[in-house]
Amino acid sequence: MKITIDSSKIIADNRSNSVGININYIRDADANRTGKPLHDALNDMGAKRLRYPGGEKSNKHFFAKPPYEQCEPTAYDYYLERMRESAVMDFDMFMELIRKTGAEPHVNVPFYPSEKTGIPMEKYIEHAAAWVRYANIRKGYGVKYWEIGNENWFDGKYSPEETARHVQDFSCDESS
């Protein structure tokens, strides 16, 4: 199977008038909430796009462990400890939230400088490709919006040129 990215075709230009919300996979599971379920609150707000697993924590979240056959969220750094403190919303639970709200899913795959994490670039790419396969081929979720890392420009992580190279690297995985 080959997944092709056509960067000449624009599917979103960021001028949408839809309201979007970051979902916090560590805190937003209904098991952690009191009152109405999250899907009801999001419907009340009119949220049209939901971003998973959240902002900065996205860089340190993996939706599953190899061989990526089922959702089994894991993290590193201080987020691993935070995951142990509450019920976690895994990716399938997020997609159930999408179904209940009718919102558009926006998924953020992890990516952070290898020299700071010890995780090689190839591991991030392998995980991202596995997540796309899991979501869109195995489960048929049809996720269109995928983001590589979170705020890669922030704190001098990557220059625009490095970021462009990373997008190419992530876009060219033909391992399956």
N, C-alpha and C. Protein backbone atom coordinates (compact mmCIF):
# COMPACT_ATOMS: atom_id res chain seq x y z
N MET A 1 0.84 -1.17 0.00
CA MET A 1 0.00 0.00 0.00
C MET A 1 0.88 1.24 0.00
N LYS A 2 0.46 2.23 -0.72
CA LYS A 2 1.21 3.49 -0.79
C LYS A 2 0.27 4.64 -0.44
N ILE A 3 0.72 5.49 0.47
CA ILE A 3 -0.03 6.69 0.83
C ILE A 3 0.68 7.86 0.17
N THR A 4 -0.06 8.64 -0.60
CA THR A 4 0.53 9.75 -1.35
C THR A 4 -0.01 11.07 -0.82
N ILE A 5 0.88 12.01 -0.65
CA ILE A 5 0.52 13.37 -0.23
C ILE A 5 0.68 14.28 -1.45
N ASP A 6 -0.38 14.98 -1.82
CA ASP A 6 -0.31 15.93 -2.93
C ASP A 6 -0.32 17.33 -2.34
N SER A 7 0.87 17.91 -2.19
CA SER A 7 0.97 19.23 -1.55
C SER A 7 0.52 20.35 -2.48
N SER A 8 0.20 20.04 -3.73
CA SER A 8 -0.29 21.08 -4.64
C SER A 8 -1.81 21.26 -4.52
N LYS A 9 -2.48 20.35 -3.82
CA LYS A 9 -3.93 20.42 -3.66
C LYS A 9 -4.26 20.95 -2.26
N ILE A 10 -4.95 22.06 -2.20
CA ILE A 10 -5.31 22.67 -0.93
C ILE A 10 -6.67 22.12 -0.50
N ILE A 11 -6.71 21.52 0.71
CA ILE A 11 -7.99 21.05 1.24
C ILE A 11 -8.50 21.96 2.35
N ALA A 12 -7.64 22.81 2.87
CA ALA A 12 -8.05 23.79 3.88
C ALA A 12 -7.07 24.95 3.81
N ASP A 13 -7.59 26.15 3.94
CA ASP A 13 -6.72 27.32 3.86
C ASP A 13 -6.67 28.11 5.17
N ASN A 14 -7.14 27.50 6.24
CA ASN A 14 -7.12 28.10 7.58
C ASN A 14 -7.95 29.37 7.68
N ARG A 15 -8.84 29.61 6.75
CA ARG A 15 -9.73 30.77 6.85
C ARG A 15 -11.15 30.33 7.17
N SER A 16 -11.28 29.10 7.61
CA SER A 16 -12.59 28.56 7.91
C SER A 16 -13.23 29.34 9.06
N ASN A 17 -14.53 29.44 9.01
CA ASN A 17 -15.22 30.12 10.10
C ASN A 17 -15.68 29.12 11.16
N SER A 18 -15.23 27.88 11.05
CA SER A 18 -15.65 26.88 12.04
C SER A 18 -14.86 27.05 13.33
N VAL A 19 -15.54 26.78 14.42
CA VAL A 19 -14.93 26.88 15.74
C VAL A 19 -14.29 25.54 16.07
N GLY A 20 -13.04 25.58 16.51
CA GLY A 20 -12.35 24.35 16.87
C GLY A 20 -11.92 24.36 18.33
N ILE A 21 -11.75 23.17 18.87
CA ILE A 21 -11.38 23.00 20.27
C ILE A 21 -10.27 21.96 20.37
N ASN A 22 -9.28 22.25 21.19
CA ASN A 22 -8.25 21.26 21.53
C ASN A 22 -8.84 20.29 22.54
N ILE A 23 -8.75 19.00 22.26
CA ILE A 23 -9.17 17.99 23.22
C ILE A 23 -7.93 17.57 24.01
N ASN A 24 -8.06 17.50 25.31
CA ASN A 24 -6.96 17.07 26.17
C ASN A 24 -7.17 15.60 26.51
N TYR A 25 -6.43 14.73 25.84
CA TYR A 25 -6.64 13.29 26.00
C TYR A 25 -6.42 12.82 27.43
N ILE A 26 -5.68 13.57 28.23
CA ILE A 26 -5.40 13.18 29.61
C ILE A 26 -6.55 13.54 30.55
N ARG A 27 -7.27 14.60 30.27
CA ARG A 27 -8.29 15.08 31.21
C ARG A 27 -9.73 15.02 30.70
N ASP A 28 -9.94 14.96 29.38
CA ASP A 28 -11.28 15.17 28.84
C ASP A 28 -12.16 13.93 28.71
N ALA A 29 -11.69 12.77 29.08
CA ALA A 29 -12.55 11.57 29.04
C ALA A 29 -13.73 11.79 29.98
N ASP A 30 -14.89 11.30 29.59
CA ASP A 30 -16.09 11.48 30.41
C ASP A 30 -15.91 10.93 31.82
N ALA A 31 -15.08 9.91 31.99
CA ALA A 31 -14.86 9.34 33.32
C ALA A 31 -14.24 10.36 34.28
N ASN A 32 -13.63 11.40 33.76
CA ASN A 32 -13.00 12.44 34.59
C ASN A 32 -13.92 13.64 34.81
N ARG A 33 -15.08 13.63 34.21
CA ARG A 33 -15.96 14.80 34.21
C ARG A 33 -17.11 14.63 35.19
N THR A 34 -17.64 15.75 35.62
CA THR A 34 -18.90 15.75 36.36
C THR A 34 -19.88 16.54 35.49
N GLY A 35 -21.13 16.27 35.65
CA GLY A 35 -22.11 16.98 34.84
C GLY A 35 -22.30 16.32 33.49
N LYS A 36 -22.63 17.13 32.50
CA LYS A 36 -22.98 16.59 31.19
C LYS A 36 -21.77 15.98 30.49
N PRO A 37 -22.02 15.01 29.62
CA PRO A 37 -20.92 14.41 28.86
C PRO A 37 -20.24 15.44 27.95
N LEU A 38 -19.01 15.20 27.63
CA LEU A 38 -18.24 16.12 26.80
C LEU A 38 -18.93 16.37 25.46
N HIS A 39 -19.47 15.35 24.83
CA HIS A 39 -20.10 15.55 23.52
C HIS A 39 -21.28 16.53 23.61
N ASP A 40 -22.03 16.49 24.71
CA ASP A 40 -23.12 17.45 24.87
C ASP A 40 -22.60 18.87 25.01
N ALA A 41 -21.55 19.04 25.79
CA ALA A 41 -20.96 20.38 25.97
C ALA A 41 -20.41 20.91 24.64
N LEU A 42 -19.75 20.05 23.88
CA LEU A 42 -19.21 20.48 22.59
C LEU A 42 -20.33 20.81 21.61
N ASN A 43 -21.38 20.03 21.62
CA ASN A 43 -22.53 20.35 20.76
C ASN A 43 -23.17 21.67 21.16
N ASP A 44 -23.27 21.92 22.46
CA ASP A 44 -23.82 23.20 22.93
C ASP A 44 -22.98 24.37 22.45
N MET A 45 -21.66 24.17 22.39
CA MET A 45 -20.75 25.24 21.95
C MET A 45 -20.71 25.38 20.44
N GLY A 46 -21.14 24.36 19.73
CA GLY A 46 -21.09 24.40 18.27
C GLY A 46 -19.71 24.13 17.71
N ALA A 47 -18.90 23.36 18.43
CA ALA A 47 -17.54 23.06 17.97
C ALA A 47 -17.61 22.25 16.68
N LYS A 48 -16.88 22.71 15.68
CA LYS A 48 -16.92 22.07 14.36
C LYS A 48 -15.65 21.29 14.04
N ARG A 49 -14.58 21.52 14.77
CA ARG A 49 -13.33 20.79 14.57
C ARG A 49 -12.74 20.49 15.94
N LEU A 50 -12.32 19.23 16.13
CA LEU A 50 -11.72 18.81 17.39
C LEU A 50 -10.31 18.32 17.12
N ARG A 51 -9.37 18.84 17.87
CA ARG A 51 -7.95 18.52 17.71
C ARG A 51 -7.51 17.57 18.82
N TYR A 52 -6.87 16.48 18.42
CA TYR A 52 -6.46 15.43 19.34
C TYR A 52 -4.98 15.12 19.13
N PRO A 53 -4.22 14.88 20.16
CA PRO A 53 -4.55 14.72 21.56
C PRO A 53 -4.44 16.00 22.37
N GLY A 54 -4.20 17.11 21.73
CA GLY A 54 -4.09 18.39 22.43
C GLY A 54 -2.94 19.19 21.87
N GLY A 55 -2.48 20.16 22.60
CA GLY A 55 -1.39 21.03 22.14
C GLY A 55 -0.02 20.42 22.36
N GLU A 56 0.75 21.03 23.21
CA GLU A 56 2.15 20.62 23.42
C GLU A 56 2.28 19.14 23.79
N LYS A 57 1.30 18.62 24.50
CA LYS A 57 1.35 17.20 24.88
C LYS A 57 1.34 16.29 23.65
N SER A 58 0.90 16.79 22.51
CA SER A 58 0.89 15.99 21.29
C SER A 58 2.28 15.50 20.91
N ASN A 59 3.28 16.31 21.20
CA ASN A 59 4.65 15.92 20.85
C ASN A 59 5.14 14.71 21.64
N LYS A 60 4.48 14.41 22.72
CA LYS A 60 4.96 13.36 23.62
C LYS A 60 3.94 12.25 23.81
N HIS A 61 3.00 12.13 22.88
CA HIS A 61 1.92 11.15 22.96
C HIS A 61 2.00 10.20 21.76
N PHE A 62 1.94 8.92 22.03
CA PHE A 62 1.86 7.91 20.98
C PHE A 62 0.52 7.20 21.13
N PHE A 63 -0.23 7.07 20.03
CA PHE A 63 -1.58 6.50 20.12
C PHE A 63 -1.55 5.02 20.47
N ALA A 64 -0.43 4.35 20.17
CA ALA A 64 -0.31 2.92 20.42
C ALA A 64 1.16 2.54 20.49
N LYS A 65 1.38 1.32 20.91
CA LYS A 65 2.73 0.75 20.93
C LYS A 65 2.87 -0.18 19.73
N PRO A 66 4.08 -0.35 19.21
CA PRO A 66 4.26 -1.30 18.11
C PRO A 66 3.72 -2.66 18.52
N PRO A 67 3.05 -3.35 17.67
CA PRO A 67 2.89 -3.17 16.22
C PRO A 67 1.68 -2.32 15.82
N TYR A 68 1.18 -1.50 16.70
CA TYR A 68 0.13 -0.52 16.42
C TYR A 68 -1.19 -1.18 15.97
N GLU A 69 -1.54 -2.28 16.58
CA GLU A 69 -2.76 -3.01 16.22
C GLU A 69 -3.99 -2.51 16.95
N GLN A 70 -3.80 -1.88 18.11
CA GLN A 70 -4.93 -1.38 18.89
C GLN A 70 -4.51 -0.12 19.64
N CYS A 71 -5.49 0.69 19.98
CA CYS A 71 -5.18 1.90 20.74
C CYS A 71 -4.64 1.49 22.10
N GLU A 72 -3.48 1.99 22.39
CA GLU A 72 -2.84 1.77 23.69
C GLU A 72 -1.96 2.99 23.95
N PRO A 73 -2.60 4.10 24.35
CA PRO A 73 -1.86 5.35 24.48
C PRO A 73 -0.68 5.23 25.43
N THR A 74 0.39 5.86 25.04
CA THR A 74 1.57 5.95 25.89
C THR A 74 2.19 7.32 25.68
N ALA A 75 3.03 7.69 26.60
CA ALA A 75 3.68 9.00 26.52
C ALA A 75 5.05 8.88 27.16
N TYR A 76 5.81 9.92 27.06
CA TYR A 76 7.07 9.97 27.78
C TYR A 76 7.17 11.33 28.45
N ASP A 77 8.21 11.45 29.25
CA ASP A 77 8.43 12.67 30.00
C ASP A 77 7.34 12.77 31.08
N TYR A 78 7.01 13.95 31.53
CA TYR A 78 6.05 14.12 32.62
C TYR A 78 4.64 13.74 32.22
N TYR A 79 4.33 13.61 30.93
CA TYR A 79 2.98 13.23 30.52
C TYR A 79 2.66 11.77 30.87
N LEU A 80 3.66 10.93 30.92
CA LEU A 80 3.42 9.55 31.31
C LEU A 80 2.85 9.50 32.73
N GLU A 81 3.42 10.27 33.62
CA GLU A 81 2.91 10.32 35.00
C GLU A 81 1.49 10.90 35.03
N ARG A 82 1.24 11.93 34.25
CA ARG A 82 -0.10 12.53 34.20
C ARG A 82 -1.13 11.53 33.69
N MET A 83 -0.73 10.67 32.75
CA MET A 83 -1.65 9.65 32.23
C MET A 83 -2.07 8.68 33.32
N ARG A 84 -1.22 8.44 34.27
CA ARG A 84 -1.53 7.50 35.35
C ARG A 84 -2.50 8.09 36.38
N GLU A 85 -2.70 9.40 36.34
CA GLU A 85 -3.52 10.08 37.33
C GLU A 85 -5.00 10.14 36.98
N SER A 86 -5.37 9.79 35.75
CA SER A 86 -6.77 9.94 35.36
C SER A 86 -7.11 8.96 34.24
N ALA A 87 -8.39 8.89 33.91
CA ALA A 87 -8.82 8.10 32.76
C ALA A 87 -8.37 8.83 31.50
N VAL A 88 -7.82 8.10 30.58
CA VAL A 88 -7.29 8.68 29.34
C VAL A 88 -8.26 8.42 28.19
N MET A 89 -8.45 9.44 27.35
CA MET A 89 -9.25 9.29 26.15
C MET A 89 -8.35 8.76 25.03
N ASP A 90 -8.52 7.50 24.67
CA ASP A 90 -7.69 6.96 23.59
C ASP A 90 -8.26 7.42 22.24
N PHE A 91 -7.57 7.09 21.17
CA PHE A 91 -7.95 7.57 19.85
C PHE A 91 -9.33 7.07 19.42
N ASP A 92 -9.65 5.82 19.70
CA ASP A 92 -10.98 5.31 19.34
C ASP A 92 -12.08 6.04 20.11
N MET A 93 -11.81 6.38 21.36
CA MET A 93 -12.77 7.16 22.15
C MET A 93 -12.93 8.56 21.54
N PHE A 94 -11.83 9.13 21.08
CA PHE A 94 -11.89 10.43 20.41
C PHE A 94 -12.77 10.34 19.16
N MET A 95 -12.59 9.28 18.38
CA MET A 95 -13.38 9.15 17.16
C MET A 95 -14.86 8.91 17.48
N GLU A 96 -15.15 8.29 18.60
CA GLU A 96 -16.54 8.17 19.06
C GLU A 96 -17.09 9.56 19.40
N LEU A 97 -16.26 10.40 20.01
CA LEU A 97 -16.65 11.78 20.29
C LEU A 97 -16.93 12.52 18.97
N ILE A 98 -16.10 12.29 17.97
CA ILE A 98 -16.32 12.89 16.65
C ILE A 98 -17.68 12.47 16.11
N ARG A 99 -17.99 11.18 16.21
CA ARG A 99 -19.27 10.67 15.72
C ARG A 99 -20.44 11.34 16.45
N LYS A 100 -20.32 11.53 17.74
CA LYS A 100 -21.41 12.10 18.54
C LYS A 100 -21.58 13.60 18.31
N THR A 101 -20.54 14.28 17.86
CA THR A 101 -20.62 15.72 17.66
C THR A 101 -20.75 16.12 16.19
N GLY A 102 -20.35 15.24 15.30
CA GLY A 102 -20.34 15.60 13.89
C GLY A 102 -19.21 16.54 13.53
N ALA A 103 -18.26 16.73 14.45
CA ALA A 103 -17.12 17.63 14.20
C ALA A 103 -16.10 16.96 13.29
N GLU A 104 -15.24 17.75 12.73
CA GLU A 104 -14.14 17.28 11.88
C GLU A 104 -12.96 16.94 12.77
N PRO A 105 -12.38 15.74 12.64
CA PRO A 105 -11.21 15.40 13.45
C PRO A 105 -9.94 16.02 12.89
N HIS A 106 -9.08 16.46 13.77
CA HIS A 106 -7.77 17.03 13.44
C HIS A 106 -6.78 16.32 14.38
N VAL A 107 -5.88 15.55 13.81
CA VAL A 107 -4.99 14.72 14.62
C VAL A 107 -3.57 15.23 14.53
N ASN A 108 -2.95 15.33 15.69
CA ASN A 108 -1.59 15.83 15.81
C ASN A 108 -0.66 14.66 16.16
N VAL A 109 0.24 14.29 15.24
CA VAL A 109 1.17 13.20 15.51
C VAL A 109 2.41 13.76 16.21
N PRO A 110 3.03 12.98 17.07
CA PRO A 110 4.18 13.49 17.82
C PRO A 110 5.41 13.69 16.95
N PHE A 111 6.13 14.74 17.29
CA PHE A 111 7.43 14.98 16.68
C PHE A 111 8.16 16.03 17.52
N TYR A 112 9.33 15.69 17.96
CA TYR A 112 10.12 16.58 18.81
C TYR A 112 11.59 16.30 18.52
N PRO A 113 12.46 17.26 18.68
CA PRO A 113 13.87 17.04 18.34
C PRO A 113 14.45 15.78 19.00
N SER A 114 14.98 14.91 18.18
CA SER A 114 15.57 13.64 18.66
C SER A 114 16.68 13.87 19.67
N GLU A 115 17.43 14.94 19.50
CA GLU A 115 18.52 15.19 20.44
C GLU A 115 18.02 15.53 21.84
N LYS A 116 16.74 15.91 21.95
CA LYS A 116 16.16 16.20 23.27
C LYS A 116 15.41 15.00 23.85
N THR A 117 15.00 14.06 23.00
CA THR A 117 14.18 12.94 23.46
C THR A 117 14.88 11.59 23.39
N GLY A 118 15.87 11.49 22.50
CA GLY A 118 16.49 10.19 22.26
C GLY A 118 15.67 9.32 21.33
N ILE A 119 14.54 9.81 20.86
CA ILE A 119 13.70 9.06 19.93
C ILE A 119 14.11 9.45 18.52
N PRO A 120 14.55 8.47 17.72
CA PRO A 120 15.00 8.80 16.37
C PRO A 120 13.84 9.22 15.46
N MET A 121 14.15 10.05 14.49
CA MET A 121 13.17 10.55 13.52
C MET A 121 12.40 9.38 12.90
N GLU A 122 13.08 8.30 12.61
CA GLU A 122 12.45 7.14 11.96
C GLU A 122 11.30 6.59 12.82
N LYS A 123 11.47 6.62 14.12
CA LYS A 123 10.43 6.13 15.03
C LYS A 123 9.18 7.02 14.96
N TYR A 124 9.39 8.33 14.92
CA TYR A 124 8.26 9.25 14.78
C TYR A 124 7.53 9.00 13.46
N ILE A 125 8.29 8.82 12.39
CA ILE A 125 7.69 8.59 11.06
C ILE A 125 6.95 7.25 11.04
N GLU A 126 7.55 6.21 11.59
CA GLU A 126 6.90 4.90 11.66
C GLU A 126 5.57 5.00 12.41
N HIS A 127 5.59 5.69 13.54
CA HIS A 127 4.37 5.83 14.35
C HIS A 127 3.30 6.61 13.59
N ALA A 128 3.69 7.72 12.95
CA ALA A 128 2.73 8.54 12.21
C ALA A 128 2.09 7.73 11.08
N ALA A 129 2.90 7.00 10.33
CA ALA A 129 2.36 6.19 9.23
C ALA A 129 1.43 5.11 9.76
N ALA A 130 1.80 4.49 10.88
CA ALA A 130 0.95 3.46 11.48
C ALA A 130 -0.37 4.06 11.94
N TRP A 131 -0.33 5.28 12.48
CA TRP A 131 -1.55 5.92 12.96
C TRP A 131 -2.50 6.23 11.79
N VAL A 132 -1.95 6.74 10.69
CA VAL A 132 -2.77 7.02 9.51
C VAL A 132 -3.39 5.71 8.99
N ARG A 133 -2.58 4.65 8.91
CA ARG A 133 -3.11 3.35 8.46
C ARG A 133 -4.21 2.85 9.40
N TYR A 134 -3.96 2.93 10.70
CA TYR A 134 -4.95 2.48 11.69
C TYR A 134 -6.25 3.27 11.52
N ALA A 135 -6.13 4.59 11.46
CA ALA A 135 -7.31 5.46 11.42
C ALA A 135 -8.10 5.32 10.12
N ASN A 136 -7.41 5.40 9.02
CA ASN A 136 -8.11 5.54 7.75
C ASN A 136 -8.26 4.25 6.96
N ILE A 137 -7.40 3.29 7.19
CA ILE A 137 -7.51 2.04 6.44
C ILE A 137 -8.15 0.96 7.31
N ARG A 138 -7.55 0.71 8.45
CA ARG A 138 -8.08 -0.34 9.32
C ARG A 138 -9.46 0.01 9.89
N LYS A 139 -9.60 1.24 10.40
CA LYS A 139 -10.86 1.64 11.05
C LYS A 139 -11.82 2.40 10.12
N GLY A 140 -11.32 2.94 9.02
CA GLY A 140 -12.18 3.67 8.09
C GLY A 140 -12.71 4.99 8.62
N TYR A 141 -11.95 5.65 9.49
CA TYR A 141 -12.41 6.90 10.08
C TYR A 141 -12.39 8.09 9.12
N GLY A 142 -11.55 8.04 8.10
CA GLY A 142 -11.52 9.13 7.12
C GLY A 142 -10.96 10.44 7.65
N VAL A 143 -9.95 10.38 8.49
CA VAL A 143 -9.34 11.60 9.02
C VAL A 143 -8.54 12.28 7.91
N LYS A 144 -8.89 13.55 7.61
CA LYS A 144 -8.20 14.31 6.56
C LYS A 144 -7.10 15.21 7.11
N TYR A 145 -7.26 15.70 8.31
CA TYR A 145 -6.36 16.72 8.83
C TYR A 145 -5.36 16.11 9.81
N TRP A 146 -4.11 16.09 9.40
CA TRP A 146 -3.01 15.54 10.21
C TRP A 146 -1.97 16.63 10.36
N GLU A 147 -1.49 16.81 11.56
CA GLU A 147 -0.49 17.82 11.87
C GLU A 147 0.76 17.12 12.40
N ILE A 148 1.92 17.56 11.97
CA ILE A 148 3.18 16.96 12.40
C ILE A 148 3.76 17.81 13.52
N GLY A 149 3.74 17.28 14.73
CA GLY A 149 4.28 18.01 15.87
C GLY A 149 3.40 19.19 16.25
N ASN A 150 3.81 19.87 17.28
CA ASN A 150 3.07 21.03 17.77
C ASN A 150 4.03 22.22 17.89
N GLU A 151 3.69 23.28 17.21
CA GLU A 151 4.48 24.52 17.28
C GLU A 151 5.97 24.25 17.08
N ASN A 152 6.29 23.61 15.96
CA ASN A 152 7.69 23.26 15.68
C ASN A 152 8.58 24.48 15.52
N TRP A 153 7.99 25.62 15.32
CA TRP A 153 8.74 26.86 15.18
C TRP A 153 9.14 27.42 16.55
N PHE A 154 8.40 27.02 17.60
CA PHE A 154 8.56 27.63 18.92
C PHE A 154 9.88 27.27 19.57
N ASP A 155 10.46 28.21 20.28
CA ASP A 155 11.65 27.97 21.09
C ASP A 155 12.84 27.50 20.25
N GLY A 156 12.87 27.90 19.00
CA GLY A 156 14.00 27.57 18.15
C GLY A 156 14.13 26.10 17.81
N LYS A 157 13.04 25.34 17.92
CA LYS A 157 13.12 23.90 17.63
C LYS A 157 13.59 23.67 16.20
N TYR A 158 12.90 24.26 15.24
CA TYR A 158 13.24 24.03 13.84
C TYR A 158 13.08 25.31 13.03
N SER A 159 13.96 25.49 12.08
CA SER A 159 13.85 26.60 11.14
C SER A 159 12.78 26.25 10.10
N PRO A 160 12.33 27.23 9.33
CA PRO A 160 11.36 26.92 8.27
C PRO A 160 11.91 25.89 7.28
N GLU A 161 13.19 25.96 6.98
CA GLU A 161 13.79 25.00 6.05
C GLU A 161 13.80 23.59 6.63
N GLU A 162 14.12 23.48 7.91
CA GLU A 162 14.11 22.16 8.57
C GLU A 162 12.68 21.62 8.63
N THR A 163 11.74 22.49 8.93
CA THR A 163 10.35 22.07 8.99
C THR A 163 9.88 21.53 7.64
N ALA A 164 10.23 22.23 6.56
CA ALA A 164 9.87 21.77 5.22
C ALA A 164 10.47 20.40 4.94
N ARG A 165 11.71 20.19 5.33
CA ARG A 165 12.37 18.90 5.13
C ARG A 165 11.65 17.80 5.93
N HIS A 166 11.25 18.13 7.14
CA HIS A 166 10.54 17.15 7.97
C HIS A 166 9.19 16.77 7.37
N VAL A 167 8.49 17.74 6.82
CA VAL A 167 7.22 17.44 6.15
C VAL A 167 7.47 16.47 5.00
N GLN A 168 8.52 16.70 4.24
CA GLN A 168 8.86 15.77 3.16
C GLN A 168 9.18 14.39 3.71
N ASP A 169 9.95 14.33 4.78
CA ASP A 169 10.31 13.04 5.38
C ASP A 169 9.07 12.26 5.83
N PHE A 170 8.16 12.95 6.49
CA PHE A 170 6.94 12.30 6.97
C PHE A 170 6.03 11.90 5.80
N SER A 171 6.08 12.63 4.72
CA SER A 171 5.19 12.40 3.59
C SER A 171 5.66 11.28 2.67
N CYS A 172 6.88 10.83 2.82
CA CYS A 172 7.44 9.88 1.87
C CYS A 172 7.58 8.47 2.41
N ASP A 173 6.93 8.14 3.49
CA ASP A 173 7.05 6.78 4.02
C ASP A 173 6.26 5.83 3.14
N GLU A 174 6.94 4.86 2.57
CA GLU A 174 6.30 3.85 1.72
C GLU A 174 6.55 2.47 2.29
N SER A 175 6.63 2.36 3.60
CA SER A 175 7.01 1.10 4.23
C SER A 175 5.94 0.03 4.16
N SER A 176 4.71 0.41 3.81
CA SER A 176 3.70 -0.64 3.70
C SER A 176 2.68 -0.32 2.63
